[in-house]
């Protein structure tokens, strides 16, 4: 195992017993014994950016296609779209959407109100609310005020200029609009 020296702040410091348990779990004795891992080493147990975000805020559905952005100061960051969803939103049409794990979920409300920025070097995460009219996102912000960036702070401009409309949300909206378009077309044909 090659030793890499970084000054990142992500990860957890482990004592020998913790490293031994992790080494057994991972099947890698190099984690437990000196040489490749020292007392000042930090270990990232969640390296997948979506898994990291889901660990911190599991109530949000995250887009399975995060994208990387190079900031103005040359840092590489991952941008993850977060969706607030509900199946109990009043006065809303129910739809069935396919989720990442292959299962289907009934919803009647979806918004892309949360963006998660993950620094690819040190692993730090920042949660932004991009739609302050979303009652579900604002409820999460009230429940976890220390998690989200201040409401006055916007998504940094160098990241915001690369924001893309999520394909998942586009497909959900197209499915709903297609249903209404087809209903009208069939009705118009029957009236002829």
Protein backbone atom coordinates (compact mmCIF):
# COMPACT_ATOMS: atom_id res chain seq x y z
CA UNK A 1 0.00 0.00 0.00
CA UNK A 2 1.35 3.41 -0.96
CA UNK A 3 1.40 6.18 1.62
CA UNK A 4 -0.15 9.45 0.46
CA UNK A 5 0.48 12.66 2.37
CA UNK A 6 -2.36 15.17 2.31
CA UNK A 7 -3.57 17.96 4.52
CA UNK A 8 -7.27 17.13 4.12
CA UNK A 9 -9.60 17.44 7.10
CA UNK A 10 -12.10 14.74 6.18
CA UNK A 11 -12.05 11.29 7.69
CA UNK A 12 -11.69 10.01 11.21
CA UNK A 13 -8.61 9.35 13.29
CA UNK A 14 -8.43 5.82 14.64
CA UNK A 15 -6.45 4.28 17.46
CA UNK A 16 -4.83 0.85 17.09
CA UNK A 17 -7.92 -1.10 18.21
CA UNK A 18 -10.15 0.82 15.78
CA UNK A 19 -7.64 0.21 12.96
CA UNK A 20 -7.49 -3.49 13.85
CA UNK A 21 -11.30 -3.83 13.69
CA UNK A 22 -11.41 -1.90 10.40
CA UNK A 23 -8.57 -4.04 9.01
CA UNK A 24 -10.49 -7.23 9.83
CA UNK A 25 -13.70 -5.81 8.34
CA UNK A 26 -11.97 -4.71 5.13
CA UNK A 27 -9.71 -7.77 4.97
CA UNK A 28 -6.66 -5.50 4.82
CA UNK A 29 -4.06 -5.97 7.57
CA UNK A 30 -2.12 -2.98 6.27
CA UNK A 31 -4.70 -0.72 7.90
CA UNK A 32 -4.02 -2.13 11.36
CA UNK A 33 -0.24 -2.39 11.43
CA UNK A 34 2.30 0.44 11.18
CA UNK A 35 3.86 1.19 7.87
CA UNK A 36 1.04 2.37 5.68
CA UNK A 37 -1.18 3.92 8.36
CA UNK A 38 0.12 6.09 11.20
CA UNK A 39 -1.49 7.65 14.27
CA UNK A 40 -2.06 10.87 12.33
CA UNK A 41 -3.75 9.08 9.41
CA UNK A 42 -7.41 9.70 8.69
CA UNK A 43 -9.65 7.08 7.19
CA UNK A 44 -12.64 7.81 4.96
CA UNK A 45 -15.27 5.15 5.44
CA UNK A 46 -17.72 6.74 2.97
CA UNK A 47 -15.86 7.67 -0.19
CA UNK A 48 -18.81 7.79 -2.58
CA UNK A 49 -20.10 11.38 -2.63
CA UNK A 50 -23.77 10.34 -2.76
CA UNK A 51 -23.31 7.96 0.17
CA UNK A 52 -21.59 10.75 2.13
CA UNK A 53 -24.47 13.16 1.53
CA UNK A 54 -27.07 10.48 2.32
CA UNK A 55 -25.30 9.70 5.60
CA UNK A 56 -25.56 13.34 6.70
CA UNK A 57 -29.10 14.02 5.41
CA UNK A 58 -30.89 10.73 4.61
CA UNK A 59 -34.37 12.23 4.09
CA UNK A 60 -33.52 13.70 0.70
CA UNK A 61 -33.46 11.75 -2.57
CA UNK A 62 -30.16 12.44 -4.31
CA UNK A 63 -29.60 12.46 -8.04
CA UNK A 64 -27.48 9.51 -9.07
CA UNK A 65 -25.51 11.62 -11.57
CA UNK A 66 -23.42 14.16 -9.63
CA UNK A 67 -21.21 16.37 -11.76
CA UNK A 68 -17.82 17.88 -11.14
CA UNK A 69 -17.09 21.60 -11.34
CA UNK A 70 -13.75 23.39 -11.31
CA UNK A 71 -14.08 26.50 -9.11
CA UNK A 72 -12.45 29.84 -9.93
CA UNK A 73 -9.64 29.08 -7.47
CA UNK A 74 -8.93 25.70 -9.15
CA UNK A 75 -10.62 23.36 -6.64
CA UNK A 76 -12.57 20.35 -7.88
CA UNK A 77 -15.99 19.96 -6.29
CA UNK A 78 -18.84 17.53 -6.83
CA UNK A 79 -22.34 19.00 -7.18
CA UNK A 80 -25.21 16.73 -6.15
CA UNK A 81 -28.85 17.64 -6.79
CA UNK A 82 -31.13 16.89 -3.86
CA UNK A 83 -34.88 16.39 -4.27
CA UNK A 84 -37.58 16.94 -1.70
CA UNK A 85 -40.44 14.51 -2.34
CA UNK A 86 -43.73 13.65 -0.76
CA UNK A 87 -46.66 11.35 -1.41
CA UNK A 88 -48.98 13.32 0.90
CA UNK A 89 -48.84 16.82 -0.53
CA UNK A 90 -52.39 18.28 -0.69
CA UNK A 91 -54.13 18.96 -4.01
CA UNK A 92 -51.45 17.23 -6.10
CA UNK A 93 -51.59 14.55 -8.78
CA UNK A 94 -49.93 11.24 -7.86
CA UNK A 95 -47.21 9.77 -10.09
CA UNK A 96 -45.04 6.69 -9.93
CA UNK A 97 -41.34 7.30 -10.55
CA UNK A 98 -38.48 4.86 -10.91
CA UNK A 99 -35.77 5.37 -8.31
CA UNK A 100 -32.04 4.62 -8.45
CA UNK A 101 -32.24 1.21 -6.78
CA UNK A 102 -34.76 -0.04 -9.32
CA UNK A 103 -37.78 0.33 -7.07
CA UNK A 104 -40.79 2.47 -7.86
CA UNK A 105 -42.06 5.21 -5.58
CA UNK A 106 -45.41 6.98 -5.51
CA UNK A 107 -45.05 10.74 -5.22
CA UNK A 108 -47.23 13.76 -5.74
CA UNK A 109 -44.60 16.41 -5.02
CA UNK A 110 -40.99 16.86 -6.14
CA UNK A 111 -38.63 19.82 -6.15
CA UNK A 112 -34.91 20.20 -6.79
CA UNK A 113 -34.42 22.52 -3.81
CA UNK A 114 -31.13 21.35 -2.35
CA UNK A 115 -27.62 21.36 -3.79
CA UNK A 116 -24.78 19.59 -2.02
CA UNK A 117 -21.22 20.67 -2.76
CA UNK A 118 -18.54 18.09 -1.87
CA UNK A 119 -14.90 19.15 -2.04
CA UNK A 120 -13.09 16.36 -3.88
CA UNK A 121 -9.84 16.96 -1.99
CA UNK A 122 -10.80 17.24 1.65
CA UNK A 123 -14.32 15.77 1.57
CA UNK A 124 -16.07 18.70 3.23
CA UNK A 125 -19.74 19.14 2.35
CA UNK A 126 -21.89 22.24 2.09
CA UNK A 127 -25.68 22.04 1.84
CA UNK A 128 -27.49 24.89 0.08
CA UNK A 129 -31.23 25.52 -0.25
CA UNK A 130 -31.77 26.86 -3.75
CA UNK A 131 -35.57 27.18 -3.56
CA UNK A 132 -36.69 29.02 -0.44
CA UNK A 133 -40.36 28.58 -1.38
CA UNK A 134 -40.14 24.81 -0.90
CA UNK A 135 -41.88 24.11 2.43
CA UNK A 136 -40.22 20.69 2.85
CA UNK A 137 -36.70 22.07 2.32
CA UNK A 138 -37.39 24.94 4.71
CA UNK A 139 -38.66 22.47 7.33
CA UNK A 140 -35.40 20.51 7.06
CA UNK A 141 -33.50 23.77 7.41
CA UNK A 142 -35.43 24.61 10.57
CA UNK A 143 -34.81 21.11 11.96
CA UNK A 144 -31.08 21.16 11.14
CA UNK A 145 -30.01 24.83 11.12
CA UNK A 146 -26.29 24.06 11.51
CA UNK A 147 -26.30 21.74 8.50
CA UNK A 148 -27.40 24.22 5.85
CA UNK A 149 -25.56 27.33 4.77
CA UNK A 150 -27.09 30.60 5.90
CA UNK A 151 -30.26 31.55 4.01
CA UNK A 152 -28.61 34.79 2.89
CA UNK A 153 -25.76 32.89 1.24
CA UNK A 154 -26.33 31.81 -2.33
CA UNK A 155 -24.71 28.98 -4.25
CA UNK A 156 -21.23 30.35 -5.16
CA UNK A 157 -21.33 32.03 -8.57
CA UNK A 158 -18.49 29.93 -10.02
CA UNK A 159 -20.52 26.80 -9.22
CA UNK A 160 -23.96 28.24 -10.04
CA UNK A 161 -22.91 29.07 -13.60
CA UNK A 162 -22.40 25.34 -14.21
CA UNK A 163 -25.71 24.24 -12.71
CA UNK A 164 -27.57 21.93 -15.04
CA UNK A 165 -31.23 20.98 -15.14
CA UNK A 166 -31.33 17.44 -13.70
CA UNK A 167 -32.34 14.71 -16.13
CA UNK A 168 -34.24 12.83 -13.41
CA UNK A 169 -36.50 15.84 -12.71
CA UNK A 170 -36.96 16.43 -16.43
CA UNK A 171 -38.10 12.81 -16.91
CA UNK A 172 -40.57 13.03 -14.00
CA UNK A 173 -42.05 16.26 -15.39
CA UNK A 174 -42.22 14.83 -18.92
CA UNK A 175 -44.06 11.77 -17.60
CA UNK A 176 -46.68 13.96 -15.88
CA UNK A 177 -47.10 16.27 -18.88
CA UNK A 178 -47.30 13.28 -21.23
CA UNK A 179 -50.18 11.87 -19.24
CA UNK A 180 -52.20 15.06 -19.62
CA UNK A 181 -51.29 15.46 -23.27
CA UNK A 182 -52.43 11.91 -24.06
CA UNK A 183 -55.70 12.34 -22.15
CA UNK A 184 -56.57 15.45 -24.13
CA UNK A 185 -55.65 13.81 -27.43
CA UNK A 186 -57.82 10.78 -26.74
CA UNK A 187 -60.72 12.98 -25.66
CA UNK A 188 -60.48 15.09 -28.80
CA UNK A 189 -60.51 11.96 -31.00
CA UNK A 190 -63.58 10.53 -29.25
CA UNK A 191 -65.55 13.77 -29.71
CA UNK A 192 -65.11 13.70 -33.50
